[in-house]
Amino acid sequence: MIVTTSSSVAGKKVVKTFGIVRGNTVRARHIGKDILAGFKTIVGGEIEEYTKLMAESRDQSVDRMLADAEQLGANAILDTRFSTSFIMQSAAEILVYGTAVLLEDEVK
């Protein structure tokens, strides 16, 4: 499956557009990790616990978007975008969305 932030793929043409596909997850922080992160804010540096949490959330959201596109019969997702929003004080949503399409090689 081709996934890109652009609206086209070199050497390919869109032969069918299925529409918007998306994947999301809402993750809550762990109180123990919050304590460790609090110490990091005092001394500075990357907060690895949150970096890992966000990376896992993005991966899960992309996997869900890919599954959505595959169910439609798409072989590519164009114009892919990510969005983040806070649901409550200790939880955030990662949303990824794009346009599911069927691509074929351009005939020259």
PDB file of N, CA and C in Angstrom:
ATOM      1  N   MET A   1       0.861  -1.175   0.000  1.00  0.00           N
ATOM      2  CA  MET A   1       0.000   0.000   0.000  1.00  0.00           C
ATOM      3  C   MET A   1       0.904   1.233   0.000  1.00  0.00           C
ATOM      4  N   ILE A   2       0.658   2.131  -0.931  1.00  0.00           N
ATOM      5  CA  ILE A   2       1.377   3.403  -0.988  1.00  0.00           C
ATOM      6  C   ILE A   2       0.635   4.398  -0.098  1.00  0.00           C
ATOM      7  N   VAL A   3       1.372   5.043   0.788  1.00  0.00           N
ATOM      8  CA  VAL A   3       0.798   6.083   1.644  1.00  0.00           C
ATOM      9  C   VAL A   3       1.670   7.312   1.485  1.00  0.00           C
ATOM     10  N   THR A   4       1.071   8.419   1.092  1.00  0.00           N
ATOM     11  CA  THR A   4       1.834   9.635   0.847  1.00  0.00           C
ATOM     12  C   THR A   4       1.063  10.879   1.272  1.00  0.00           C
ATOM     13  N   THR A   5       1.811  11.923   1.583  1.00  0.00           N
ATOM     14  CA  THR A   5       1.182  13.199   1.932  1.00  0.00           C
ATOM     15  C   THR A   5       0.874  14.027   0.692  1.00  0.00           C
ATOM     16  N   SER A   6       1.347  13.580  -0.468  1.00  0.00           N
ATOM     17  CA  SER A   6       1.076  14.324  -1.701  1.00  0.00           C
ATOM     18  C   SER A   6      -0.230  13.852  -2.331  1.00  0.00           C
ATOM     19  N   SER A   7      -0.681  14.588  -3.345  1.00  0.00           N
ATOM     20  CA  SER A   7      -1.941  14.241  -3.995  1.00  0.00           C
ATOM     21  C   SER A   7      -1.732  13.427  -5.265  1.00  0.00           C
ATOM     22  N   SER A   8      -0.489  13.043  -5.537  1.00  0.00           N
ATOM     23  CA  SER A   8      -0.205  12.214  -6.703  1.00  0.00           C
ATOM     24  C   SER A   8       1.031  11.363  -6.438  1.00  0.00           C
ATOM     25  N   VAL A   9       1.220  10.356  -7.274  1.00  0.00           N
ATOM     26  CA  VAL A   9       2.388   9.485  -7.193  1.00  0.00           C
ATOM     27  C   VAL A   9       3.000   9.442  -8.591  1.00  0.00           C
ATOM     28  N   ALA A  10       4.271   9.745  -8.690  1.00  0.00           N
ATOM     29  CA  ALA A  10       4.942   9.773  -9.991  1.00  0.00           C
ATOM     30  C   ALA A  10       4.806   8.430 -10.697  1.00  0.00           C
ATOM     31  N   GLY A  11       4.415   8.489 -11.975  1.00  0.00           N
ATOM     32  CA  GLY A  11       4.277   7.284 -12.774  1.00  0.00           C
ATOM     33  C   GLY A  11       2.983   6.533 -12.574  1.00  0.00           C
ATOM     34  N   LYS A  12       2.102   7.056 -11.741  1.00  0.00           N
ATOM     35  CA  LYS A  12       0.817   6.408 -11.453  1.00  0.00           C
ATOM     36  C   LYS A  12      -0.322   7.379 -11.756  1.00  0.00           C
ATOM     37  N   LYS A  13      -1.485   6.824 -12.054  1.00  0.00           N
ATOM     38  CA  LYS A  13      -2.676   7.649 -12.221  1.00  0.00           C
ATOM     39  C   LYS A  13      -3.795   7.084 -11.351  1.00  0.00           C
ATOM     40  N   VAL A  14      -4.630   7.964 -10.870  1.00  0.00           N
ATOM     41  CA  VAL A  14      -5.778   7.565 -10.062  1.00  0.00           C
ATOM     42  C   VAL A  14      -6.870   7.097 -11.014  1.00  0.00           C
ATOM     43  N   VAL A  15      -7.316   5.860 -10.832  1.00  0.00           N
ATOM     44  CA  VAL A  15      -8.394   5.336 -11.669  1.00  0.00           C
ATOM     45  C   VAL A  15      -9.712   5.215 -10.902  1.00  0.00           C
ATOM     46  N   LYS A  16      -9.623   5.269  -9.581  1.00  0.00           N
ATOM     47  CA  LYS A  16     -10.839   5.248  -8.765  1.00  0.00           C
ATOM     48  C   LYS A  16     -10.545   5.898  -7.419  1.00  0.00           C
ATOM     49  N   THR A  17     -11.468   6.714  -6.965  1.00  0.00           N
ATOM     50  CA  THR A  17     -11.370   7.343  -5.648  1.00  0.00           C
ATOM     51  C   THR A  17     -12.451   6.750  -4.757  1.00  0.00           C
ATOM     52  N   PHE A  18     -12.037   6.206  -3.621  1.00  0.00           N
ATOM     53  CA  PHE A  18     -12.986   5.586  -2.700  1.00  0.00           C
ATOM     54  C   PHE A  18     -13.493   6.572  -1.650  1.00  0.00           C
ATOM     55  N   GLY A  19     -12.691   7.575  -1.327  1.00  0.00           N
ATOM     56  CA  GLY A  19     -13.084   8.563  -0.338  1.00  0.00           C
ATOM     57  C   GLY A  19     -12.162   8.570   0.869  1.00  0.00           C
ATOM     58  N   ILE A  20     -12.609   9.217   1.893  1.00  0.00           N
ATOM     59  CA  ILE A  20     -11.797   9.406   3.098  1.00  0.00           C
ATOM     60  C   ILE A  20     -11.695   8.098   3.882  1.00  0.00           C
ATOM     61  N   VAL A  21     -10.474   7.814   4.314  1.00  0.00           N
ATOM     62  CA  VAL A  21     -10.231   6.719   5.255  1.00  0.00           C
ATOM     63  C   VAL A  21      -9.519   7.312   6.462  1.00  0.00           C
ATOM     64  N   ARG A  22      -9.694   6.676   7.593  1.00  0.00           N
ATOM     65  CA  ARG A  22      -9.112   7.238   8.810  1.00  0.00           C
ATOM     66  C   ARG A  22      -8.817   6.142   9.815  1.00  0.00           C
ATOM     67  N   GLY A  23      -7.983   6.493  10.745  1.00  0.00           N
ATOM     68  CA  GLY A  23      -7.683   5.633  11.873  1.00  0.00           C
ATOM     69  C   GLY A  23      -7.373   6.520  13.056  1.00  0.00           C
ATOM     70  N   ASN A  24      -7.763   6.095  14.223  1.00  0.00           N
ATOM     71  CA  ASN A  24      -7.479   6.910  15.399  1.00  0.00           C
ATOM     72  C   ASN A  24      -7.300   6.037  16.631  1.00  0.00           C
ATOM     73  N   THR A  25      -6.734   6.630  17.636  1.00  0.00           N
ATOM     74  CA  THR A  25      -6.625   5.994  18.938  1.00  0.00           C
ATOM     75  C   THR A  25      -6.609   7.092  19.992  1.00  0.00           C
ATOM     76  N   VAL A  26      -7.118   6.777  21.148  1.00  0.00           N
ATOM     77  CA  VAL A  26      -7.060   7.683  22.293  1.00  0.00           C
ATOM     78  C   VAL A  26      -6.233   6.981  23.354  1.00  0.00           C
ATOM     79  N   ARG A  27      -5.202   7.626  23.798  1.00  0.00           N
ATOM     80  CA  ARG A  27      -4.293   7.037  24.780  1.00  0.00           C
ATOM     81  C   ARG A  27      -4.240   7.900  26.030  1.00  0.00           C
ATOM     82  N   ALA A  28      -4.167   7.228  27.163  1.00  0.00           N
ATOM     83  CA  ALA A  28      -4.023   7.917  28.451  1.00  0.00           C
ATOM     84  C   ALA A  28      -2.602   7.722  28.959  1.00  0.00           C
ATOM     85  N   ARG A  29      -2.110   8.697  29.645  1.00  0.00           N
ATOM     86  CA  ARG A  29      -0.779   8.598  30.250  1.00  0.00           C
ATOM     87  C   ARG A  29      -0.863   7.741  31.506  1.00  0.00           C
ATOM     88  N   HIS A  30       0.246   7.157  31.859  1.00  0.00           N
ATOM     89  CA  HIS A  30       0.372   6.314  33.044  1.00  0.00           C
ATOM     90  C   HIS A  30       0.907   7.177  34.186  1.00  0.00           C
ATOM     91  N   ILE A  31       0.314   7.102  35.362  1.00  0.00           N
ATOM     92  CA  ILE A  31       0.698   7.965  36.487  1.00  0.00           C
ATOM     93  C   ILE A  31       2.176   7.804  36.843  1.00  0.00           C
ATOM     94  N   GLY A  32       2.689   6.571  36.788  1.00  0.00           N
ATOM     95  CA  GLY A  32       4.110   6.353  37.081  1.00  0.00           C
ATOM     96  C   GLY A  32       5.010   7.056  36.081  1.00  0.00           C
ATOM     97  N   LYS A  33       4.622   7.012  34.813  1.00  0.00           N
ATOM     98  CA  LYS A  33       5.394   7.686  33.773  1.00  0.00           C
ATOM     99  C   LYS A  33       5.272   9.203  33.912  1.00  0.00           C
ATOM    100  N   ASP A  34       4.124   9.672  34.399  1.00  0.00           N
ATOM    101  CA  ASP A  34       3.961  11.109  34.645  1.00  0.00           C
ATOM    102  C   ASP A  34       4.950  11.596  35.704  1.00  0.00           C
ATOM    103  N   ILE A  35       5.182  10.787  36.697  1.00  0.00           N
ATOM    104  CA  ILE A  35       6.125  11.165  37.755  1.00  0.00           C
ATOM    105  C   ILE A  35       7.535  11.266  37.177  1.00  0.00           C
ATOM    106  N   LEU A  36       7.923  10.253  36.384  1.00  0.00           N
ATOM    107  CA  LEU A  36       9.238  10.296  35.737  1.00  0.00           C
ATOM    108  C   LEU A  36       9.354  11.499  34.807  1.00  0.00           C
ATOM    109  N   ALA A  37       8.295  11.785  34.066  1.00  0.00           N
ATOM    110  CA  ALA A  37       8.307  12.927  33.158  1.00  0.00           C
ATOM    111  C   ALA A  37       8.430  14.235  33.937  1.00  0.00           C
ATOM    112  N   GLY A  38       7.799  14.295  35.104  1.00  0.00           N
ATOM    113  CA  GLY A  38       7.909  15.482  35.952  1.00  0.00           C
ATOM    114  C   GLY A  38       9.340  15.768  36.350  1.00  0.00           C
ATOM    115  N   PHE A  39      10.082  14.711  36.667  1.00  0.00           N
ATOM    116  CA  PHE A  39      11.499  14.889  36.992  1.00  0.00           C
ATOM    117  C   PHE A  39      12.277  15.383  35.782  1.00  0.00           C
ATOM    118  N   LYS A  40      11.925  14.890  34.605  1.00  0.00           N
ATOM    119  CA  LYS A  40      12.613  15.311  33.379  1.00  0.00           C
ATOM    120  C   LYS A  40      12.402  16.800  33.114  1.00  0.00           C
ATOM    121  N   THR A  41      11.238  17.324  33.473  1.00  0.00           N
ATOM    122  CA  THR A  41      10.997  18.747  33.226  1.00  0.00           C
ATOM    123  C   THR A  41      11.890  19.616  34.097  1.00  0.00           C
ATOM    124  N   ILE A  42      12.357  19.063  35.198  1.00  0.00           N
ATOM    125  CA  ILE A  42      13.252  19.814  36.088  1.00  0.00           C
ATOM    126  C   ILE A  42      14.665  19.857  35.513  1.00  0.00           C
ATOM    127  N   VAL A  43      15.148  18.711  35.036  1.00  0.00           N
ATOM    128  CA  VAL A  43      16.527  18.633  34.550  1.00  0.00           C
ATOM    129  C   VAL A  43      16.645  18.864  33.050  1.00  0.00           C
ATOM    130  N   GLY A  44      15.534  18.785  32.332  1.00  0.00           N
ATOM    131  CA  GLY A  44      15.545  19.005  30.886  1.00  0.00           C
ATOM    132  C   GLY A  44      15.801  17.729  30.116  1.00  0.00           C
ATOM    133  N   GLY A  45      15.635  17.807  28.816  1.00  0.00           N
ATOM    134  CA  GLY A  45      15.873  16.664  27.941  1.00  0.00           C
ATOM    135  C   GLY A  45      14.587  16.057  27.421  1.00  0.00           C
ATOM    136  N   GLU A  46      14.765  15.103  26.547  1.00  0.00           N
ATOM    137  CA  GLU A  46      13.619  14.433  25.943  1.00  0.00           C
ATOM    138  C   GLU A  46      12.895  13.574  26.971  1.00  0.00           C
ATOM    139  N   ILE A  47      11.597  13.567  26.900  1.00  0.00           N
ATOM    140  CA  ILE A  47      10.777  12.726  27.767  1.00  0.00           C
ATOM    141  C   ILE A  47      10.448  11.466  26.970  1.00  0.00           C
ATOM    142  N   GLU A  48      11.335  10.481  27.083  1.00  0.00           N
ATOM    143  CA  GLU A  48      11.247   9.274  26.263  1.00  0.00           C
ATOM    144  C   GLU A  48       9.925   8.528  26.444  1.00  0.00           C
ATOM    145  N   GLU A  49       9.374   8.554  27.645  1.00  0.00           N
ATOM    146  CA  GLU A  49       8.116   7.845  27.902  1.00  0.00           C
ATOM    147  C   GLU A  49       6.998   8.396  27.014  1.00  0.00           C
ATOM    148  N   TYR A  50       6.942   9.711  26.871  1.00  0.00           N
ATOM    149  CA  TYR A  50       5.901  10.320  26.040  1.00  0.00           C
ATOM    150  C   TYR A  50       6.215  10.154  24.558  1.00  0.00           C
ATOM    151  N   THR A  51       7.485  10.207  24.193  1.00  0.00           N
ATOM    152  CA  THR A  51       7.869   9.985  22.801  1.00  0.00           C
ATOM    153  C   THR A  51       7.432   8.603  22.353  1.00  0.00           C
ATOM    154  N   LYS A  52       7.681   7.600  23.192  1.00  0.00           N
ATOM    155  CA  LYS A  52       7.285   6.232  22.868  1.00  0.00           C
ATOM    156  C   LYS A  52       5.762   6.108  22.783  1.00  0.00           C
ATOM    157  N   LEU A  53       5.058   6.709  23.727  1.00  0.00           N
ATOM    158  CA  LEU A  53       3.594   6.670  23.737  1.00  0.00           C
ATOM    159  C   LEU A  53       3.020   7.262  22.448  1.00  0.00           C
ATOM    160  N   MET A  54       3.551   8.398  22.023  1.00  0.00           N
ATOM    161  CA  MET A  54       3.042   9.046  20.813  1.00  0.00           C
ATOM    162  C   MET A  54       3.390   8.235  19.568  1.00  0.00           C
ATOM    163  N   ALA A  55       4.580   7.663  19.513  1.00  0.00           N
ATOM    164  CA  ALA A  55       4.975   6.837  18.358  1.00  0.00           C
ATOM    165  C   ALA A  55       4.063   5.611  18.239  1.00  0.00           C
ATOM    166  N   GLU A  56       3.791   4.963  19.367  1.00  0.00           N
ATOM    167  CA  GLU A  56       2.893   3.806  19.351  1.00  0.00           C
ATOM    168  C   GLU A  56       1.490   4.216  18.909  1.00  0.00           C
ATOM    169  N   SER A  57       1.044   5.376  19.365  1.00  0.00           N
ATOM    170  CA  SER A  57      -0.285   5.871  18.995  1.00  0.00           C
ATOM    171  C   SER A  57      -0.363   6.158  17.501  1.00  0.00           C
ATOM    172  N   ARG A  58       0.669   6.791  16.949  1.00  0.00           N
ATOM    173  CA  ARG A  58       0.691   7.066  15.505  1.00  0.00           C
ATOM    174  C   ARG A  58       0.685   5.765  14.712  1.00  0.00           C
ATOM    175  N   ASP A  59       1.496   4.805  15.121  1.00  0.00           N
ATOM    176  CA  ASP A  59       1.555   3.520  14.412  1.00  0.00           C
ATOM    177  C   ASP A  59       0.203   2.817  14.434  1.00  0.00           C
ATOM    178  N   GLN A  60      -0.443   2.805  15.572  1.00  0.00           N
ATOM    179  CA  GLN A  60      -1.746   2.150  15.675  1.00  0.00           C
ATOM    180  C   GLN A  60      -2.785   2.856  14.807  1.00  0.00           C
ATOM    181  N   SER A  61      -2.756   4.165  14.794  1.00  0.00           N
ATOM    182  CA  SER A  61      -3.697   4.930  13.974  1.00  0.00           C
ATOM    183  C   SER A  61      -3.476   4.660  12.486  1.00  0.00           C
ATOM    184  N   VAL A  62      -2.215   4.629  12.058  1.00  0.00           N
ATOM    185  CA  VAL A  62      -1.907   4.329  10.652  1.00  0.00           C
ATOM    186  C   VAL A  62      -2.371   2.920  10.301  1.00  0.00           C
ATOM    187  N   ASP A  63      -2.122   1.952  11.165  1.00  0.00           N
ATOM    188  CA  ASP A  63      -2.570   0.577  10.914  1.00  0.00           C
ATOM    189  C   ASP A  63      -4.086   0.525  10.725  1.00  0.00           C
ATOM    190  N   ARG A  64      -4.812   1.268  11.519  1.00  0.00           N
ATOM    191  CA  ARG A  64      -6.274   1.285  11.407  1.00  0.00           C
ATOM    192  C   ARG A  64      -6.721   1.956  10.112  1.00  0.00           C
ATOM    193  N   MET A  65      -6.023   3.011   9.697  1.00  0.00           N
ATOM    194  CA  MET A  65      -6.350   3.672   8.438  1.00  0.00           C
ATOM    195  C   MET A  65      -6.086   2.729   7.260  1.00  0.00           C
ATOM    196  N   LEU A  66      -4.948   2.022   7.311  1.00  0.00           N
ATOM    197  CA  LEU A  66      -4.616   1.070   6.251  1.00  0.00           C
ATOM    198  C   LEU A  66      -5.680  -0.024   6.149  1.00  0.00           C
ATOM    199  N   ALA A  67      -6.130  -0.535   7.271  1.00  0.00           N
ATOM    200  CA  ALA A  67      -7.176  -1.569   7.273  1.00  0.00           C
ATOM    201  C   ALA A  67      -8.462  -1.033   6.652  1.00  0.00           C
ATOM    202  N   ASP A  68      -8.799   0.217   6.957  1.00  0.00           N
ATOM    203  CA  ASP A  68      -9.984   0.863   6.394  1.00  0.00           C
ATOM    204  C   ASP A  68      -9.866   0.936   4.871  1.00  0.00           C
ATOM    205  N   ALA A  69      -8.697   1.337   4.373  1.00  0.00           N
ATOM    206  CA  ALA A  69      -8.476   1.458   2.928  1.00  0.00           C
ATOM    207  C   ALA A  69      -8.496   0.091   2.246  1.00  0.00           C
ATOM    208  N   GLU A  70      -7.890  -0.903   2.865  1.00  0.00           N
ATOM    209  CA  GLU A  70      -7.858  -2.252   2.287  1.00  0.00           C
ATOM    210  C   GLU A  70      -9.264  -2.832   2.153  1.00  0.00           C
ATOM    211  N   GLN A  71     -10.127  -2.552   3.127  1.00  0.00           N
ATOM    212  CA  GLN A  71     -11.514  -3.040   3.062  1.00  0.00           C
ATOM    213  C   GLN A  71     -12.246  -2.464   1.853  1.00  0.00           C
ATOM    214  N   LEU A  72     -11.855  -1.263   1.444  1.00  0.00           N
ATOM    215  CA  LEU A  72     -12.488  -0.625   0.284  1.00  0.00           C
ATOM    216  C   LEU A  72     -11.908  -1.110  -1.041  1.00  0.00           C
ATOM    217  N   GLY A  73     -10.763  -1.773  -0.993  1.00  0.00           N
ATOM    218  CA  GLY A  73     -10.109  -2.219  -2.212  1.00  0.00           C
ATOM    219  C   GLY A  73      -9.074  -1.243  -2.745  1.00  0.00           C
ATOM    220  N   ALA A  74      -8.668  -0.284  -1.942  1.00  0.00           N
ATOM    221  CA  ALA A  74      -7.676   0.714  -2.355  1.00  0.00           C
ATOM    222  C   ALA A  74      -6.278   0.118  -2.328  1.00  0.00           C
ATOM    223  N   ASN A  75      -5.401   0.689  -3.148  1.00  0.00           N
ATOM    224  CA  ASN A  75      -3.995   0.286  -3.096  1.00  0.00           C
ATOM    225  C   ASN A  75      -3.082   1.462  -2.756  1.00  0.00           C
ATOM    226  N   ALA A  76      -3.704   2.603  -2.428  1.00  0.00           N
ATOM    227  CA  ALA A  76      -2.926   3.779  -2.032  1.00  0.00           C
ATOM    228  C   ALA A  76      -3.803   4.728  -1.221  1.00  0.00           C
ATOM    229  N   ILE A  77      -3.120   5.553  -0.410  1.00  0.00           N
ATOM    230  CA  ILE A  77      -3.798   6.618   0.332  1.00  0.00           C
ATOM    231  C   ILE A  77      -3.023   7.900   0.050  1.00  0.00           C
ATOM    232  N   LEU A  78      -3.715   8.874  -0.514  1.00  0.00           N
ATOM    233  CA  LEU A  78      -3.109  10.153  -0.862  1.00  0.00           C
ATOM    234  C   LEU A  78      -3.510  11.220   0.155  1.00  0.00           C
ATOM    235  N   ASP A  79      -2.755  12.313   0.157  1.00  0.00           N
ATOM    236  CA  ASP A  79      -3.050  13.472   1.014  1.00  0.00           C
ATOM    237  C   ASP A  79      -3.195  13.083   2.492  1.00  0.00           C
ATOM    238  N   THR A  80      -2.316  12.230   2.971  1.00  0.00           N
ATOM    239  CA  THR A  80      -2.372  11.754   4.351  1.00  0.00           C
ATOM    240  C   THR A  80      -2.013  12.878   5.320  1.00  0.00           C
ATOM    241  N   ARG A  81      -2.782  13.004   6.380  1.00  0.00           N
ATOM    242  CA  ARG A  81      -2.571  14.034   7.394  1.00  0.00           C
ATOM    243  C   ARG A  81      -2.744  13.437   8.790  1.00  0.00           C
ATOM    244  N   PHE A  82      -2.057  14.049   9.749  1.00  0.00           N
ATOM    245  CA  PHE A  82      -2.177  13.667  11.158  1.00  0.00           C
ATOM    246  C   PHE A  82      -2.777  14.823  11.943  1.00  0.00           C
ATOM    247  N   SER A  83      -3.542  14.481  12.956  1.00  0.00           N
ATOM    248  CA  SER A  83      -4.120  15.483  13.848  1.00  0.00           C
ATOM    249  C   SER A  83      -4.054  14.943  15.273  1.00  0.00           C
ATOM    250  N   THR A  84      -3.830  15.834  16.203  1.00  0.00           N
ATOM    251  CA  THR A  84      -3.794  15.471  17.616  1.00  0.00           C
ATOM    252  C   THR A  84      -4.751  16.379  18.379  1.00  0.00           C
ATOM    253  N   SER A  85      -5.476  15.804  19.313  1.00  0.00           N
ATOM    254  CA  SER A  85      -6.340  16.616  20.165  1.00  0.00           C
ATOM    255  C   SER A  85      -6.349  16.035  21.571  1.00  0.00           C
ATOM    256  N   PHE A  86      -6.552  16.887  22.521  1.00  0.00           N
ATOM    257  CA  PHE A  86      -6.632  16.440  23.907  1.00  0.00           C
ATOM    258  C   PHE A  86      -8.073  16.152  24.245  1.00  0.00           C
ATOM    259  N   ILE A  87      -8.314  14.975  24.792  1.00  0.00           N
ATOM    260  CA  ILE A  87      -9.662  14.545  25.166  1.00  0.00           C
ATOM    261  C   ILE A  87      -9.961  14.978  26.601  1.00  0.00           C
ATOM    262  N   MET A  88      -8.970  14.797  27.466  1.00  0.00           N
ATOM    263  CA  MET A  88      -9.061  15.211  28.856  1.00  0.00           C
ATOM    264  C   MET A  88      -7.635  15.467  29.329  1.00  0.00           C
ATOM    265  N   GLN A  89      -7.449  15.828  30.559  1.00  0.00           N
ATOM    266  CA  GLN A  89      -6.137  16.241  31.041  1.00  0.00           C
ATOM    267  C   GLN A  89      -5.041  15.215  30.792  1.00  0.00           C
ATOM    268  N   SER A  90      -5.345  13.945  30.921  1.00  0.00           N
ATOM    269  CA  SER A  90      -4.292  12.942  30.791  1.00  0.00           C
ATOM    270  C   SER A  90      -4.485  12.008  29.586  1.00  0.00           C
ATOM    271  N   ALA A  91      -5.302  12.412  28.607  1.00  0.00           N
ATOM    272  CA  ALA A  91      -5.530  11.570  27.439  1.00  0.00           C
ATOM    273  C   ALA A  91      -5.548  12.409  26.171  1.00  0.00           C
ATOM    274  N   ALA A  92      -4.993  11.830  25.095  1.00  0.00           N
ATOM    275  CA  ALA A  92      -4.944  12.519  23.812  1.00  0.00           C
ATOM    276  C   ALA A  92      -5.369  11.567  22.703  1.00  0.00           C
ATOM    277  N   GLU A  93      -5.903  12.148  21.646  1.00  0.00           N
ATOM    278  CA  GLU A  93      -6.278  11.377  20.465  1.00  0.00           C
ATOM    279  C   GLU A  93      -5.293  11.683  19.346  1.00  0.00           C
ATOM    280  N   ILE A  94      -4.904  10.643  18.642  1.00  0.00           N
ATOM    281  CA  ILE A  94      -4.151  10.771  17.399  1.00  0.00           C
ATOM    282  C   ILE A  94      -5.104  10.317  16.296  1.00  0.00           C
ATOM    283  N   LEU A  95      -5.277  11.154  15.300  1.00  0.00           N
ATOM    284  CA  LEU A  95      -6.123  10.840  14.152  1.00  0.00           C
ATOM    285  C   LEU A  95      -5.277  10.970  12.898  1.00  0.00           C
ATOM    286  N   VAL A  96      -5.345   9.978  12.023  1.00  0.00           N
ATOM    287  CA  VAL A  96      -4.683  10.048  10.723  1.00  0.00           C
ATOM    288  C   VAL A  96      -5.760   9.809   9.673  1.00  0.00           C
ATOM    289  N   TYR A  97      -5.711  10.581   8.590  1.00  0.00           N
ATOM    290  CA  TYR A  97      -6.726  10.435   7.556  1.00  0.00           C
ATOM    291  C   TYR A  97      -6.137  10.772   6.192  1.00  0.00           C
ATOM    292  N   GLY A  98      -6.784  10.283   5.174  1.00  0.00           N
ATOM    293  CA  GLY A  98      -6.354  10.540   3.809  1.00  0.00           C
ATOM    294  C   GLY A  98      -7.417  10.074   2.838  1.00  0.00           C
ATOM    295  N   THR A  99      -7.085  10.126   1.557  1.00  0.00           N
ATOM    296  CA  THR A  99      -8.016   9.731   0.510  1.00  0.00           C
ATOM    297  C   THR A  99      -7.590   8.384  -0.061  1.00  0.00           C
ATOM    298  N   ALA A 100      -8.460   7.399   0.054  1.00  0.00           N
ATOM    299  CA  ALA A 100      -8.186   6.060  -0.472  1.00  0.00           C
ATOM    300  C   ALA A 100      -8.456   6.060  -1.966  1.00  0.00           C
ATOM    301  N   VAL A 101      -7.488   5.529  -2.723  1.00  0.00           N
ATOM    302  CA  VAL A 101      -7.615   5.503  -4.181  1.00  0.00           C
ATOM    303  C   VAL A 101      -7.099   4.181  -4.734  1.00  0.00           C
ATOM    304  N   LEU A 102      -7.431   3.941  -5.995  1.00  0.00           N
ATOM    305  CA  LEU A 102      -6.867   2.839  -6.749  1.00  0.00           C
ATOM    306  C   LEU A 102      -5.948   3.452  -7.795  1.00  0.00           C
ATOM    307  N   LEU A 103      -4.675   3.095  -7.743  1.00  0.00           N
ATOM    308  CA  LEU A 103      -3.686   3.605  -8.684  1.00  0.00           C
ATOM    309  C   LEU A 103      -3.315   2.533  -9.694  1.00  0.00           C
ATOM    310  N   GLU A 104      -3.018   2.993 -10.910  1.00  0.00           N
ATOM    311  CA  GLU A 104      -2.475   2.133 -11.945  1.00  0.00           C
ATOM    312  C   GLU A 104      -1.289   2.840 -12.585  1.00  0.00           C
ATOM    313  N   ASP A 105      -0.414   2.071 -13.216  1.00  0.00           N
ATOM    314  CA  ASP A 105       0.707   2.668 -13.921  1.00  0.00           C
ATOM    315  C   ASP A 105       0.205   3.520 -15.084  1.00  0.00           C
ATOM    316  N   GLU A 106       0.855   4.654 -15.306  1.00  0.00           N
ATOM    317  CA  GLU A 106       0.547   5.501 -16.452  1.00  0.00           C
ATOM    318  C   GLU A 106       1.058   4.821 -17.717  1.00  0.00           C
ATOM    319  N   VAL A 107       0.287   4.876 -18.759  1.00  0.00           N
ATOM    320  CA  VAL A 107       0.700   4.335 -20.056  1.00  0.00           C
ATOM    321  C   VAL A 107       1.372   5.450 -20.830  1.00  0.00           C
ATOM    322  N   LYS A 108       2.579   5.175 -21.328  1.00  0.00           N
ATOM    323  CA  LYS A 108       3.294   6.223 -22.064  1.00  0.00           C
ATOM    324  C   LYS A 108       3.417   5.885 -23.511  1.00  0.00           C
TER     325      LYS A 108
END
